[in-house]
Amino acid sequence: MTCRQMCRIAMLGGTVFAAPVAASAQQVEIGIAQPNLEHPYRVGGIERAKAWGAEHPDVKLTIVDGRRDSATQLSGVEDLITRHVSAVVLSPNDSKALAPIADAAKRANVPLIIFDRKLDVPETDFAAFIGSDNIEMGRVAARFVIEKIGEEGKVIQLEGTPGASATVDRKQGFEEEMAKHPGITVVSYVGHYRLQEAVAAMEDAVTAHRDVKAVFAHNDTMAMGAAQVLEEQRLEGVTTVGMDGAKEGCEGVASGRLTGSVYYPTMFPESLDLAMKVLAGETVEKMTFLDTPMITKETHDTYCK
């Protein structure tokens, strides 16, 4: 394989990673802005992006690590726009904090494709969105929990990063569905999508609520943290549901530590294909939503390839 055919990721300035290819007057450069590059879901997305890049040697991918900080991510994307990349594919760390980038991209005539999390701007301010219906995902999780525990019981909800659209929507969908069942009480804690913070929150939760019948976590990392605490506290028979269905979710379901996980696509390579269509001047849907089925032991082999 020639250098031109390789799509390597290299560090630039601490927060920007580039996949260089041979220079070309017609070269397309797509900036990918992730809120972080540490979470397994984000890692999986970047791996898929790199695989797509290897198949598109004339496209340069530049990947920005937001490091879970909105100011850092905003600065990284502003740098991409200043450098006049062909397009930016963005999952905002915070829907409101990253909103100013839409105007900057529009003024620079750089198409902005939003994936995974919504940006708090009018639809006219970005080229396209691709993601899943996080409100419906919350409902899917709620229905599954109800199916497992019945009409009564206490449910602990481990929320993700406050302000992130995924957190807001997953919480909304879950609580709306649970409100239809007055015998069920939902108690919420914040785990910021991180393992150790989820473990700490879950330890507090089970201290106050040892009668817990189910746990719903906004991602699989937190669900696995909850499972760890339940095992340590010897609380058996607790339904534990996560979201994302990436490697850790699939492994959690296979091992029995998780009862289920709502599958959430990484949006790669779909978001890159969408960006290329936008750059080619093709008409695309403004809002594209991908399916989010429940992964259980019965459906594991279908979704965990």
C-alpha atoms as a PDB file:
ATOM      1  CA  MET A   1       0.000   0.000   0.000  1.00  0.00           C
ATOM      2  CA  THR A   2       1.414   3.430  -0.942  1.00  0.00           C
ATOM      3  CA  CYS A   3       1.574   6.408   1.383  1.00  0.00           C
ATOM      4  CA  ARG A   4      -1.239   7.933  -0.652  1.00  0.00           C
ATOM      5  CA  GLN A   5      -3.443   4.991   0.226  1.00  0.00           C
ATOM      6  CA  MET A   6      -2.823   5.132   3.930  1.00  0.00           C
ATOM      7  CA  CYS A   7      -4.911   7.134   6.379  1.00  0.00           C
ATOM      8  CA  ARG A   8      -2.820   7.422   9.521  1.00  0.00           C
ATOM      9  CA  ILE A   9      -3.828   9.438  12.573  1.00  0.00           C
ATOM     10  CA  ALA A  10      -1.072  11.695  13.924  1.00  0.00           C
ATOM     11  CA  MET A  11      -1.096  14.276  16.707  1.00  0.00           C
ATOM     12  CA  LEU A  12      -1.019  17.963  15.866  1.00  0.00           C
ATOM     13  CA  GLY A  13      -0.958  20.478  18.701  1.00  0.00           C
ATOM     14  CA  GLY A  14      -2.350  18.150  21.360  1.00  0.00           C
ATOM     15  CA  THR A  15      -5.988  18.260  20.331  1.00  0.00           C
ATOM     16  CA  VAL A  16      -6.009  17.735  16.588  1.00  0.00           C
ATOM     17  CA  PHE A  17      -5.226  14.430  14.887  1.00  0.00           C
ATOM     18  CA  ALA A  18      -4.701  14.300  11.132  1.00  0.00           C
ATOM     19  CA  ALA A  19      -4.885  11.510   8.611  1.00  0.00           C
ATOM     20  CA  PRO A  20      -2.526  12.819   5.887  1.00  0.00           C
ATOM     21  CA  VAL A  21      -2.636  11.900   2.227  1.00  0.00           C
ATOM     22  CA  ALA A  22      -0.687  13.151  -0.776  1.00  0.00           C
ATOM     23  CA  ALA A  23      -1.363  16.772  -1.701  1.00  0.00           C
ATOM     24  CA  SER A  24      -3.806  17.399  -4.495  1.00  0.00           C
ATOM     25  CA  ALA A  25      -5.321  20.548  -5.953  1.00  0.00           C
ATOM     26  CA  GLN A  26      -8.707  18.879  -5.728  1.00  0.00           C
ATOM     27  CA  GLN A  27      -8.135  17.283  -2.336  1.00  0.00           C
ATOM     28  CA  VAL A  28     -11.078  17.148   0.035  1.00  0.00           C
ATOM     29  CA  GLU A  29     -10.400  17.650   3.744  1.00  0.00           C
ATOM     30  CA  ILE A  30     -13.062  16.746   6.280  1.00  0.00           C
ATOM     31  CA  GLY A  31     -12.711  17.776   9.898  1.00  0.00           C
ATOM     32  CA  ILE A  32     -14.211  15.350  12.431  1.00  0.00           C
ATOM     33  CA  ALA A  33     -14.929  16.946  15.810  1.00  0.00           C
ATOM     34  CA  GLN A  34     -15.625  14.476  18.602  1.00  0.00           C
ATOM     35  CA  PRO A  35     -16.420  15.643  22.164  1.00  0.00           C
ATOM     36  CA  ASN A  36     -13.725  13.240  23.361  1.00  0.00           C
ATOM     37  CA  LEU A  37     -11.546  10.421  22.057  1.00  0.00           C
ATOM     38  CA  GLU A  38     -11.446   8.309  25.203  1.00  0.00           C
ATOM     39  CA  HIS A  39     -14.907   6.798  25.422  1.00  0.00           C
ATOM     40  CA  PRO A  40     -15.304   3.372  23.730  1.00  0.00           C
ATOM     41  CA  TYR A  41     -18.216   4.671  21.656  1.00  0.00           C
ATOM     42  CA  ARG A  42     -16.043   7.514  20.317  1.00  0.00           C
ATOM     43  CA  VAL A  43     -13.072   5.204  19.786  1.00  0.00           C
ATOM     44  CA  GLY A  44     -15.284   2.862  17.777  1.00  0.00           C
ATOM     45  CA  GLY A  45     -16.457   5.747  15.632  1.00  0.00           C
ATOM     46  CA  ILE A  46     -12.915   6.894  14.890  1.00  0.00           C
ATOM     47  CA  GLU A  47     -11.867   3.357  13.997  1.00  0.00           C
ATOM     48  CA  ARG A  48     -14.689   3.215  11.469  1.00  0.00           C
ATOM     49  CA  ALA A  49     -13.746   6.664  10.168  1.00  0.00           C
ATOM     50  CA  LYS A  50     -10.153   5.515   9.650  1.00  0.00           C
ATOM     51  CA  ALA A  51     -11.390   2.445   7.773  1.00  0.00           C
ATOM     52  CA  TRP A  52     -13.487   4.714   5.545  1.00  0.00           C
ATOM     53  CA  GLY A  53     -10.443   6.954   5.019  1.00  0.00           C
ATOM     54  CA  ALA A  54      -8.353   3.997   3.882  1.00  0.00           C
ATOM     55  CA  GLU A  55     -10.943   3.403   1.155  1.00  0.00           C
ATOM     56  CA  HIS A  56     -10.977   7.099   0.161  1.00  0.00           C
ATOM     57  CA  PRO A  57      -7.277   8.013  -0.250  1.00  0.00           C
ATOM     58  CA  ASP A  58      -8.090  11.338  -1.899  1.00  0.00           C
ATOM     59  CA  VAL A  59      -9.853  12.549   1.255  1.00  0.00           C
ATOM     60  CA  LYS A  60      -7.872  13.904   4.183  1.00  0.00           C
ATOM     61  CA  LEU A  61      -9.435  13.400   7.624  1.00  0.00           C
ATOM     62  CA  THR A  62      -8.498  15.746  10.450  1.00  0.00           C
ATOM     63  CA  ILE A  63      -9.845  14.684  13.834  1.00  0.00           C
ATOM     64  CA  VAL A  64     -10.355  17.095  16.718  1.00  0.00           C
ATOM     65  CA  ASP A  65     -10.455  15.851  20.306  1.00  0.00           C
ATOM     66  CA  GLY A  66     -12.737  18.015  22.456  1.00  0.00           C
ATOM     67  CA  ARG A  67     -11.370  16.393  25.639  1.00  0.00           C
ATOM     68  CA  ARG A  68     -14.823  16.642  27.246  1.00  0.00           C
ATOM     69  CA  ASP A  69     -14.457  20.416  27.339  1.00  0.00           C
ATOM     70  CA  SER A  70     -16.670  22.671  25.233  1.00  0.00           C
ATOM     71  CA  ALA A  71     -14.147  25.510  25.046  1.00  0.00           C
ATOM     72  CA  THR A  72     -11.464  23.105  23.839  1.00  0.00           C
ATOM     73  CA  GLN A  73     -13.754  21.629  21.227  1.00  0.00           C
ATOM     74  CA  LEU A  74     -14.944  25.057  20.077  1.00  0.00           C
ATOM     75  CA  SER A  75     -11.348  26.227  19.642  1.00  0.00           C
ATOM     76  CA  GLY A  76     -10.448  23.088  17.699  1.00  0.00           C
ATOM     77  CA  VAL A  77     -13.358  23.471  15.286  1.00  0.00           C
ATOM     78  CA  GLU A  78     -12.656  27.184  14.853  1.00  0.00           C
ATOM     79  CA  ASP A  79      -9.138  26.210  13.812  1.00  0.00           C
ATOM     80  CA  LEU A  80     -10.532  23.791  11.222  1.00  0.00           C
ATOM     81  CA  ILE A  81     -12.729  26.540   9.783  1.00  0.00           C
ATOM     82  CA  THR A  82      -9.860  29.045   9.737  1.00  0.00           C
ATOM     83  CA  ARG A  83      -7.837  26.516   7.760  1.00  0.00           C
ATOM     84  CA  HIS A  84     -10.756  26.256   5.297  1.00  0.00           C
ATOM     85  CA  VAL A  85     -11.389  22.535   5.477  1.00  0.00           C
ATOM     86  CA  SER A  86     -13.930  21.307   2.937  1.00  0.00           C
ATOM     87  CA  ALA A  87     -16.496  20.313   5.586  1.00  0.00           C
ATOM     88  CA  VAL A  88     -16.826  19.757   9.333  1.00  0.00           C
ATOM     89  CA  VAL A  89     -18.537  16.726  10.861  1.00  0.00           C
ATOM     90  CA  LEU A  90     -19.378  17.608  14.464  1.00  0.00           C
ATOM     91  CA  SER A  91     -20.779  15.945  17.578  1.00  0.00           C
ATOM     92  CA  PRO A  92     -20.988  18.795  20.110  1.00  0.00           C
ATOM     93  CA  ASN A  93     -19.829  18.329  23.688  1.00  0.00           C
ATOM     94  CA  ASP A  94     -22.625  20.691  24.719  1.00  0.00           C
ATOM     95  CA  SER A  95     -25.499  21.666  22.440  1.00  0.00           C
ATOM     96  CA  LYS A  96     -25.579  25.322  23.500  1.00  0.00           C
ATOM     97  CA  ALA A  97     -21.883  25.944  24.132  1.00  0.00           C
ATOM     98  CA  LEU A  98     -20.935  24.813  20.602  1.00  0.00           C
ATOM     99  CA  ALA A  99     -23.775  26.730  18.922  1.00  0.00           C
ATOM    100  CA  PRO A 100     -21.556  29.693  17.847  1.00  0.00           C
ATOM    101  CA  ILE A 101     -19.610  27.403  15.530  1.00  0.00           C
ATOM    102  CA  ALA A 102     -22.591  27.185  13.183  1.00  0.00           C
ATOM    103  CA  ASP A 103     -22.373  30.895  12.357  1.00  0.00           C
ATOM    104  CA  ALA A 104     -18.603  30.713  11.932  1.00  0.00           C
ATOM    105  CA  ALA A 105     -18.934  27.785   9.510  1.00  0.00           C
ATOM    106  CA  LYS A 106     -21.709  29.531   7.588  1.00  0.00           C
ATOM    107  CA  ARG A 107     -19.681  32.729   7.165  1.00  0.00           C
ATOM    108  CA  ALA A 108     -16.676  30.712   5.953  1.00  0.00           C
ATOM    109  CA  ASN A 109     -18.874  28.699   3.583  1.00  0.00           C
ATOM    110  CA  VAL A 110     -17.815  25.427   5.255  1.00  0.00           C
ATOM    111  CA  PRO A 111     -20.671  22.873   5.300  1.00  0.00           C
ATOM    112  CA  LEU A 112     -21.462  21.683   8.820  1.00  0.00           C
ATOM    113  CA  ILE A 113     -22.752  18.143   9.280  1.00  0.00           C
ATOM    114  CA  ILE A 114     -23.957  17.377  12.801  1.00  0.00           C
ATOM    115  CA  PHE A 115     -23.930  13.800  14.046  1.00  0.00           C
ATOM    116  CA  ASP A 116     -24.967  12.010  17.229  1.00  0.00           C
ATOM    117  CA  ARG A 117     -25.833  15.081  19.355  1.00  0.00           C
ATOM    118  CA  LYS A 118     -27.910  18.004  18.186  1.00  0.00           C
ATOM    119  CA  LEU A 119     -26.630  21.566  18.006  1.00  0.00           C
ATOM    120  CA  ASP A 120     -28.844  24.253  19.538  1.00  0.00           C
ATOM    121  CA  VAL A 121     -29.288  26.272  16.330  1.00  0.00           C
ATOM    122  CA  PRO A 122     -32.010  26.515  13.640  1.00  0.00           C
ATOM    123  CA  GLU A 123     -31.925  23.816  10.961  1.00  0.00           C
ATOM    124  CA  THR A 124     -31.021  26.487   8.407  1.00  0.00           C
ATOM    125  CA  ASP A 125     -27.651  26.932  10.132  1.00  0.00           C
ATOM    126  CA  PHE A 126     -26.217  23.517   9.268  1.00  0.00           C
ATOM    127  CA  ALA A 127     -26.131  21.351   6.155  1.00  0.00           C
ATOM    128  CA  ALA A 128     -27.486  18.112   7.630  1.00  0.00           C
ATOM    129  CA  PHE A 129     -27.907  16.059  10.789  1.00  0.00           C
ATOM    130  CA  ILE A 130     -27.496  12.314  11.204  1.00  0.00           C
ATOM    131  CA  GLY A 131     -28.203  10.527  14.444  1.00  0.00           C
ATOM    132  CA  SER A 132     -30.795   8.551  16.285  1.00  0.00           C
ATOM    133  CA  ASP A 133     -33.906   9.641  18.132  1.00  0.00           C
ATOM    134  CA  ASN A 134     -32.560   9.819  21.672  1.00  0.00           C
ATOM    135  CA  ILE A 135     -36.025  10.513  23.081  1.00  0.00           C
ATOM    136  CA  GLU A 136     -37.293   7.304  21.527  1.00  0.00           C
ATOM    137  CA  MET A 137     -34.217   5.490  22.809  1.00  0.00           C
ATOM    138  CA  GLY A 138     -35.210   6.532  26.305  1.00  0.00           C
ATOM    139  CA  ARG A 139     -38.681   5.172  25.666  1.00  0.00           C
ATOM    140  CA  VAL A 140     -37.276   1.890  24.343  1.00  0.00           C
ATOM    141  CA  ALA A 141     -35.243   1.495  27.531  1.00  0.00           C
ATOM    142  CA  ALA A 142     -38.245   2.346  29.711  1.00  0.00           C
ATOM    143  CA  ARG A 143     -40.506  -0.195  28.009  1.00  0.00           C
ATOM    144  CA  PHE A 144     -37.846  -2.857  28.416  1.00  0.00           C
ATOM    145  CA  VAL A 145     -37.431  -2.080  32.116  1.00  0.00           C
ATOM    146  CA  ILE A 146     -41.203  -2.197  32.662  1.00  0.00           C
ATOM    147  CA  GLU A 147     -41.354  -5.521  30.849  1.00  0.00           C
ATOM    148  CA  LYS A 148     -38.743  -6.881  33.265  1.00  0.00           C
ATOM    149  CA  ILE A 149     -39.905  -5.454  36.618  1.00  0.00           C
ATOM    150  CA  GLY A 150     -43.655  -5.017  36.152  1.00  0.00           C
ATOM    151  CA  GLU A 151     -45.749  -2.096  37.360  1.00  0.00           C
ATOM    152  CA  GLU A 152     -44.074  -1.398  40.696  1.00  0.00           C
ATOM    153  CA  GLY A 153     -40.575  -0.742  41.957  1.00  0.00           C
ATOM    154  CA  LYS A 154     -37.723   1.708  42.240  1.00  0.00           C
ATOM    155  CA  VAL A 155     -35.505   2.508  39.266  1.00  0.00           C
ATOM    156  CA  ILE A 156     -32.155   4.308  39.454  1.00  0.00           C
ATOM    157  CA  GLN A 157     -31.326   6.471  36.451  1.00  0.00           C
ATOM    158  CA  LEU A 158     -27.668   7.304  35.821  1.00  0.00           C
ATOM    159  CA  GLU A 159     -27.615  10.429  33.662  1.00  0.00           C
ATOM    160  CA  GLY A 160     -24.862  11.502  31.310  1.00  0.00           C
ATOM    161  CA  THR A 161     -23.231  14.922  30.955  1.00  0.00           C
ATOM    162  CA  PRO A 162     -25.720  17.677  31.868  1.00  0.00           C
ATOM    163  CA  GLY A 163     -26.470  19.907  28.880  1.00  0.00           C
ATOM    164  CA  ALA A 164     -25.583  17.330  26.227  1.00  0.00           C
ATOM    165  CA  SER A 165     -28.564  16.800  23.911  1.00  0.00           C
ATOM    166  CA  ALA A 166     -28.284  13.027  24.276  1.00  0.00           C
ATOM    167  CA  THR A 167     -28.568  13.344  28.062  1.00  0.00           C
ATOM    168  CA  VAL A 168     -31.544  15.684  27.882  1.00  0.00           C
ATOM    169  CA  ASP A 169     -33.390  13.585  25.307  1.00  0.00           C
ATOM    170  CA  ARG A 170     -32.695  10.142  26.817  1.00  0.00           C
ATOM    171  CA  LYS A 171     -33.860  11.408  30.205  1.00  0.00           C
ATOM    172  CA  GLN A 172     -36.979  12.952  28.681  1.00  0.00           C
ATOM    173  CA  GLY A 173     -38.010   9.826  26.776  1.00  0.00           C
ATOM    174  CA  PHE A 174     -37.348   7.527  29.726  1.00  0.00           C
ATOM    175  CA  GLU A 175     -39.197   9.639  32.268  1.00  0.00           C
ATOM    176  CA  GLU A 176     -42.150  10.301  29.944  1.00  0.00           C
ATOM    177  CA  GLU A 177     -42.686   6.588  29.510  1.00  0.00           C
ATOM    178  CA  MET A 178     -42.172   5.839  33.198  1.00  0.00           C
ATOM    179  CA  ALA A 179     -44.710   8.507  34.157  1.00  0.00           C
ATOM    180  CA  LYS A 180     -47.390   6.281  32.634  1.00  0.00           C
ATOM    181  CA  HIS A 181     -46.724   3.786  35.423  1.00  0.00           C
ATOM    182  CA  PRO A 182     -47.380   5.476  38.791  1.00  0.00           C
ATOM    183  CA  GLY A 183     -46.216   2.450  40.745  1.00  0.00           C
ATOM    184  CA  ILE A 184     -42.664   2.967  39.528  1.00  0.00           C
ATOM    185  CA  THR A 185     -40.370   5.546  41.149  1.00  0.00           C
ATOM    186  CA  VAL A 186     -37.368   6.911  39.234  1.00  0.00           C
ATOM    187  CA  VAL A 187     -34.429   8.290  41.238  1.00  0.00           C
ATOM    188  CA  SER A 188     -31.726  10.078  39.226  1.00  0.00           C
ATOM    189  CA  TYR A 189     -27.984  10.515  39.724  1.00  0.00           C
ATOM    190  CA  VAL A 190     -25.350  12.011  37.394  1.00  0.00           C
ATOM    191  CA  GLY A 191     -22.463   9.897  36.129  1.00  0.00           C
ATOM    192  CA  HIS A 192     -21.168  12.120  33.285  1.00  0.00           C
ATOM    193  CA  TYR A 193     -20.880   9.064  30.974  1.00  0.00           C
ATOM    194  CA  ARG A 194     -17.754   7.975  32.913  1.00  0.00           C
ATOM    195  CA  LEU A 195     -17.065   4.726  34.738  1.00  0.00           C
ATOM    196  CA  GLN A 196     -15.624   6.000  38.007  1.00  0.00           C
ATOM    197  CA  GLU A 197     -18.181   8.778  38.363  1.00  0.00           C
ATOM    198  CA  ALA A 198     -20.956   6.278  37.688  1.00  0.00           C
ATOM    199  CA  VAL A 199     -19.513   3.900  40.298  1.00  0.00           C
ATOM    200  CA  ALA A 200     -19.442   6.694  42.880  1.00  0.00           C
ATOM    201  CA  ALA A 201     -22.996   7.757  42.022  1.00  0.00           C
ATOM    202  CA  MET A 202     -24.231   4.174  42.135  1.00  0.00           C
ATOM    203  CA  GLU A 203     -22.634   3.599  45.529  1.00  0.00           C
ATOM    204  CA  ASP A 204     -24.582   6.573  46.855  1.00  0.00           C
ATOM    205  CA  ALA A 205     -27.721   5.318  45.120  1.00  0.00           C
ATOM    206  CA  VAL A 206     -27.706   1.816  46.582  1.00  0.00           C
ATOM    207  CA  THR A 207     -26.900   3.164  50.030  1.00  0.00           C
ATOM    208  CA  ALA A 208     -30.101   5.199  49.900  1.00  0.00           C
ATOM    209  CA  HIS A 209     -32.165   2.753  47.819  1.00  0.00           C
ATOM    210  CA  ARG A 210     -31.298  -0.868  48.523  1.00  0.00           C
ATOM    211  CA  ASP A 211     -34.745  -1.851  47.249  1.00  0.00           C
ATOM    212  CA  VAL A 212     -33.745  -0.931  43.684  1.00  0.00           C
ATOM    213  CA  LYS A 213     -35.278  -3.190  41.054  1.00  0.00           C
ATOM    214  CA  ALA A 214     -33.682  -1.720  37.930  1.00  0.00           C
ATOM    215  CA  VAL A 215     -30.941   0.614  36.725  1.00  0.00           C
ATOM    216  CA  PHE A 216     -31.104   2.627  33.526  1.00  0.00           C
ATOM    217  CA  ALA A 217     -27.826   4.270  32.483  1.00  0.00           C
ATOM    218  CA  HIS A 218     -27.441   6.730  29.613  1.00  0.00           C
ATOM    219  CA  ASN A 219     -24.510   4.716  28.259  1.00  0.00           C
ATOM    220  CA  ASP A 220     -22.944   1.289  28.658  1.00  0.00           C
ATOM    221  CA  THR A 221     -19.910   2.554  30.553  1.00  0.00           C
ATOM    222  CA  MET A 222     -22.125   3.787  33.377  1.00  0.00           C
ATOM    223  CA  ALA A 223     -24.270   0.649  33.192  1.00  0.00           C
ATOM    224  CA  MET A 224     -21.161  -1.477  33.660  1.00  0.00           C
ATOM    225  CA  GLY A 225     -20.182   0.696  36.611  1.00  0.00           C
ATOM    226  CA  ALA A 226     -23.625   0.113  38.106  1.00  0.00           C
ATOM    227  CA  ALA A 227     -23.268  -3.638  37.541  1.00  0.00           C
ATOM    228  CA  GLN A 228     -19.934  -3.564  39.370  1.00  0.00           C
ATOM    229  CA  VAL A 229     -21.492  -1.894  42.411  1.00  0.00           C
ATOM    230  CA  LEU A 230     -24.465  -4.247  42.410  1.00  0.00           C
ATOM    231  CA  GLU A 231     -22.076  -7.206  42.431  1.00  0.00           C
ATOM    232  CA  GLU A 232     -19.990  -5.726  45.228  1.00  0.00           C
ATOM    233  CA  GLN A 233     -23.114  -5.009  47.269  1.00  0.00           C
ATOM    234  CA  ARG A 234     -24.488  -8.488  46.512  1.00  0.00           C
ATOM    235  CA  LEU A 235     -27.720  -7.079  45.158  1.00  0.00           C
ATOM    236  CA  GLU A 236     -28.988  -9.744  42.786  1.00  0.00           C
ATOM    237  CA  GLY A 237     -31.783  -9.788  40.244  1.00  0.00           C
ATOM    238  CA  VAL A 238     -31.546  -6.075  39.384  1.00  0.00           C
ATOM    239  CA  THR A 239     -32.379  -5.315  35.743  1.00  0.00           C
ATOM    240  CA  THR A 240     -29.490  -3.244  34.338  1.00  0.00           C
ATOM    241  CA  VAL A 241     -29.872  -1.435  31.023  1.00  0.00           C
ATOM    242  CA  GLY A 242     -27.321   0.673  29.167  1.00  0.00           C
ATOM    243  CA  MET A 243     -27.079   2.433  25.824  1.00  0.00           C
ATOM    244  CA  ASP A 244     -24.734   2.422  22.821  1.00  0.00           C
ATOM    245  CA  GLY A 245     -24.318  -1.303  22.166  1.00  0.00           C
ATOM    246  CA  ALA A 246     -20.617  -0.902  21.426  1.00  0.00           C
ATOM    247  CA  LYS A 247     -17.976  -3.418  22.529  1.00  0.00           C
ATOM    248  CA  GLU A 248     -18.485  -3.013  26.275  1.00  0.00           C
ATOM    249  CA  GLY A 249     -22.268  -3.151  25.941  1.00  0.00           C
ATOM    250  CA  CYS A 250     -22.124  -6.271  23.817  1.00  0.00           C
ATOM    251  CA  GLU A 251     -19.695  -7.910  26.221  1.00  0.00           C
ATOM    252  CA  GLY A 252     -21.841  -6.860  29.164  1.00  0.00           C
ATOM    253  CA  VAL A 253     -24.954  -8.448  27.670  1.00  0.00           C
ATOM    254  CA  ALA A 254     -23.066 -11.605  26.668  1.00  0.00           C
ATOM    255  CA  SER A 255     -21.667 -12.034  30.183  1.00  0.00           C
ATOM    256  CA  GLY A 256     -25.007 -11.362  31.833  1.00  0.00           C
ATOM    257  CA  ARG A 257     -23.763  -8.309  33.716  1.00  0.00           C
ATOM    258  CA  LEU A 258     -26.121  -6.190  31.620  1.00  0.00           C
ATOM    259  CA  THR A 259     -29.713  -7.211  30.961  1.00  0.00           C
ATOM    260  CA  GLY A 260     -29.807  -5.146  27.795  1.00  0.00           C
ATOM    261  CA  SER A 261     -28.366  -2.222  25.856  1.00  0.00           C
ATOM    262  CA  VAL A 262     -30.100   0.086  23.396  1.00  0.00           C
ATOM    263  CA  TYR A 263     -28.041  -0.069  20.209  1.00  0.00           C
ATOM    264  CA  TYR A 264     -26.734   3.331  19.116  1.00  0.00           C
ATOM    265  CA  PRO A 265     -24.834   3.537  15.809  1.00  0.00           C
ATOM    266  CA  THR A 266     -21.480   5.384  15.811  1.00  0.00           C
ATOM    267  CA  MET A 267     -22.688   7.352  12.732  1.00  0.00           C
ATOM    268  CA  PHE A 268     -19.577   6.284  10.844  1.00  0.00           C
ATOM    269  CA  PRO A 269     -19.145   5.876   7.967  1.00  0.00           C
ATOM    270  CA  GLU A 270     -22.644   7.302   7.410  1.00  0.00           C
ATOM    271  CA  SER A 271     -21.758  10.857   8.459  1.00  0.00           C
ATOM    272  CA  LEU A 272     -18.735  10.906   6.126  1.00  0.00           C
ATOM    273  CA  ASP A 273     -20.798   9.598   3.212  1.00  0.00           C
ATOM    274  CA  LEU A 274     -23.311  12.345   3.988  1.00  0.00           C
ATOM    275  CA  ALA A 275     -20.576  14.989   4.011  1.00  0.00           C
ATOM    276  CA  MET A 276     -19.359  13.826   0.603  1.00  0.00           C
ATOM    277  CA  LYS A 277     -22.879  14.095  -0.822  1.00  0.00           C
ATOM    278  CA  VAL A 278     -23.199  17.625   0.543  1.00  0.00           C
ATOM    279  CA  LEU A 279     -19.851  18.579  -0.994  1.00  0.00           C
ATOM    280  CA  ALA A 280     -20.942  17.067  -4.312  1.00  0.00           C
ATOM    281  CA  GLY A 281     -24.011  19.310  -4.302  1.00  0.00           C
ATOM    282  CA  GLU A 282     -26.449  16.425  -3.961  1.00  0.00           C
ATOM    283  CA  THR A 283     -29.803  16.931  -2.282  1.00  0.00           C
ATOM    284  CA  VAL A 284     -29.800  15.247   1.135  1.00  0.00           C
ATOM    285  CA  GLU A 285     -32.305  14.887   3.936  1.00  0.00           C
ATOM    286  CA  LYS A 286     -31.902  17.618   6.528  1.00  0.00           C
ATOM    287  CA  MET A 287     -32.517  15.154   9.377  1.00  0.00           C
ATOM    288  CA  THR A 288     -31.569  11.468   9.104  1.00  0.00           C
ATOM    289  CA  PHE A 289     -32.358   9.037  11.926  1.00  0.00           C
ATOM    290  CA  LEU A 290     -30.939   5.519  12.269  1.00  0.00           C
ATOM    291  CA  ASP A 291     -32.671   2.622  14.043  1.00  0.00           C
ATOM    292  CA  THR A 292     -31.902   1.859  17.703  1.00  0.00           C
ATOM    293  CA  PRO A 293     -33.071  -1.661  18.644  1.00  0.00           C
ATOM    294  CA  MET A 294     -32.565  -3.326  22.025  1.00  0.00           C
ATOM    295  CA  ILE A 295     -29.655  -5.721  22.402  1.00  0.00           C
ATOM    296  CA  THR A 296     -30.442  -8.671  24.652  1.00  0.00           C
ATOM    297  CA  LYS A 297     -28.993 -12.159  24.930  1.00  0.00           C
ATOM    298  CA  GLU A 298     -31.532 -13.211  22.293  1.00  0.00           C
ATOM    299  CA  THR A 299     -30.538 -10.488  19.799  1.00  0.00           C
ATOM    300  CA  HIS A 300     -26.861 -10.254  20.735  1.00  0.00           C
ATOM    301  CA  ASP A 301     -25.505 -12.083  17.705  1.00  0.00           C
ATOM    302  CA  THR A 302     -27.557  -9.912  15.359  1.00  0.00           C
ATOM    303  CA  TYR A 303     -26.160  -6.566  16.537  1.00  0.00           C
ATOM    304  CA  CYS A 304     -22.800  -7.489  18.087  1.00  0.00           C
ATOM    305  CA  LYS A 305     -20.746  -8.580  15.115  1.00  0.00           C
END
